[in-house]
C-alpha cells in the first residue's frame, strides 16, 4: 500500500524581471498559511554574470502597496441588479446607453 504524501510549499523565488505588483499578490495570497512560506528574489551582480538569491523584504513590499484591494467578486458586485433585458436600446456591458456625440 502506498502511503499518502503531502507536499507543502516552503519557498517562492521571484525572478529578476518579476514586477513588484505580482510579488505583492503572491505574498498576499499565501499569507496566513499554517506553515509559513519564505520569499526570495534573484538578483544579478553589477558588471558580472553571477546571480544570487536573497530574502525578499516583505515588510517593505507590503508597505509600498495598497493595504486594501478588491477581489474580483467585489468589483462585479456593483453590477448586481442591473437590468439586462433586451428592450431594443443599445447598451454596453454595464447596461449604460452610449453617449451621443
Protein backbone atom coordinates (compact mmCIF):
# COMPACT_ATOMS: atom_id res chain seq x y z
CA UNK A 1 0.00 0.00 0.00
CA UNK A 2 1.35 3.43 -0.94
CA UNK A 3 1.49 6.00 1.85
CA UNK A 4 -0.24 9.30 1.23
CA UNK A 5 2.28 12.06 0.58
CA UNK A 6 1.59 15.68 1.35
CA UNK A 7 3.70 18.32 -0.32
CA UNK A 8 3.96 21.67 1.41
CA UNK A 9 5.05 24.86 -0.29
CA UNK A 10 8.16 26.07 1.52
CA UNK A 11 9.51 28.92 -0.58
CA UNK A 12 8.80 31.13 -3.58
CA UNK A 13 11.64 32.52 -5.68
CA UNK A 14 10.82 35.61 -7.77
CA UNK A 15 12.83 36.18 -10.93
CA UNK A 16 14.78 39.31 -11.83
CA UNK A 17 12.01 40.73 -14.01
CA UNK A 18 9.10 39.92 -11.72
CA UNK A 19 7.04 43.10 -11.11
CA UNK A 20 6.53 44.15 -7.51
CA UNK A 21 2.74 44.02 -8.03
CA UNK A 22 3.00 40.30 -8.80
CA UNK A 23 5.20 39.75 -5.75
CA UNK A 24 2.65 41.62 -3.63
CA UNK A 25 -0.21 39.49 -4.98
CA UNK A 26 1.59 36.21 -4.38
CA UNK A 27 2.65 37.20 -0.86
CA UNK A 28 -0.91 38.27 0.00
CA UNK A 29 -2.36 35.08 -1.48
CA UNK A 30 -0.05 32.89 0.62
CA UNK A 31 -0.40 34.89 3.85
CA UNK A 32 -1.94 33.20 6.85
CA UNK A 33 -0.97 29.64 5.98
CA UNK A 34 -0.35 27.12 8.74
CA UNK A 35 3.24 26.70 7.63
CA UNK A 36 4.91 29.99 6.69
CA UNK A 37 6.30 30.39 3.18
CA UNK A 38 9.68 32.07 2.63
CA UNK A 39 10.12 34.51 -0.24
CA UNK A 40 13.31 35.12 -2.20
CA UNK A 41 14.41 37.23 -5.17
CA UNK A 42 17.04 36.51 -7.79
CA UNK A 43 19.44 39.44 -8.20
CA UNK A 44 22.36 39.96 -10.52
CA UNK A 45 25.70 41.40 -9.51
CA UNK A 46 26.59 44.60 -11.37
CA UNK A 47 29.25 44.02 -14.00
CA UNK A 48 29.23 40.25 -13.54
CA UNK A 49 27.22 37.34 -14.82
CA UNK A 50 26.61 35.90 -11.36
CA UNK A 51 23.18 35.59 -9.82
CA UNK A 52 22.37 35.27 -6.15
CA UNK A 53 19.24 34.52 -4.19
CA UNK A 54 18.35 36.98 -1.45
CA UNK A 55 15.50 37.15 1.03
CA UNK A 56 12.62 39.38 -0.12
CA UNK A 57 11.88 42.27 2.24
CA UNK A 58 8.17 41.54 2.56
CA UNK A 59 7.61 44.32 5.11
CA UNK A 60 8.85 46.95 2.68
CA UNK A 61 6.92 45.45 -0.21
CA UNK A 62 3.67 45.38 1.75
CA UNK A 63 4.22 48.96 2.94
CA UNK A 64 4.56 50.28 -0.61
CA UNK A 65 1.40 48.66 -2.00
CA UNK A 66 -2.25 49.28 -1.14
CA UNK A 67 -3.50 47.84 2.12
CA UNK A 68 -6.91 47.13 0.69
CA UNK A 69 -7.54 45.63 -2.69
CA UNK A 70 -10.79 44.47 -4.16
CA UNK A 71 -11.30 40.88 -5.05
CA UNK A 72 -12.92 40.10 -8.40
CA UNK A 73 -16.34 39.36 -6.89
CA UNK A 74 -16.31 42.72 -5.09
CA UNK A 75 -15.66 44.53 -8.36
CA UNK A 76 -18.66 42.96 -10.10
CA UNK A 77 -20.96 43.42 -7.10
CA UNK A 78 -21.62 46.96 -8.41
CA UNK A 79 -23.42 45.40 -11.40
CA UNK A 80 -25.88 43.33 -9.36
CA UNK A 81 -29.45 44.27 -10.11
CA UNK A 82 -28.62 45.87 -13.48
CA UNK A 83 -31.48 45.37 -15.93
CA UNK A 84 -30.09 43.28 -18.77
CA UNK A 85 -33.41 42.79 -20.56
CA UNK A 86 -33.43 43.44 -24.27
CA UNK A 87 -35.78 46.36 -24.94
CA UNK A 88 -34.21 47.40 -28.22
CA UNK A 89 -32.00 50.14 -26.75
CA UNK A 90 -28.30 49.62 -27.29
CA UNK A 91 -26.30 49.48 -24.07
CA UNK A 92 -22.80 48.48 -23.05
CA UNK A 93 -21.99 45.50 -20.83
CA UNK A 94 -22.93 47.54 -17.74
CA UNK A 95 -26.35 48.42 -19.19
CA UNK A 96 -25.40 52.05 -19.88
CA UNK A 97 -26.60 53.60 -23.15
CA UNK A 98 -23.86 55.11 -25.33
CA UNK A 99 -23.29 58.87 -25.17
CA UNK A 100 -24.47 60.95 -28.07
CA UNK A 101 -21.75 62.94 -29.76
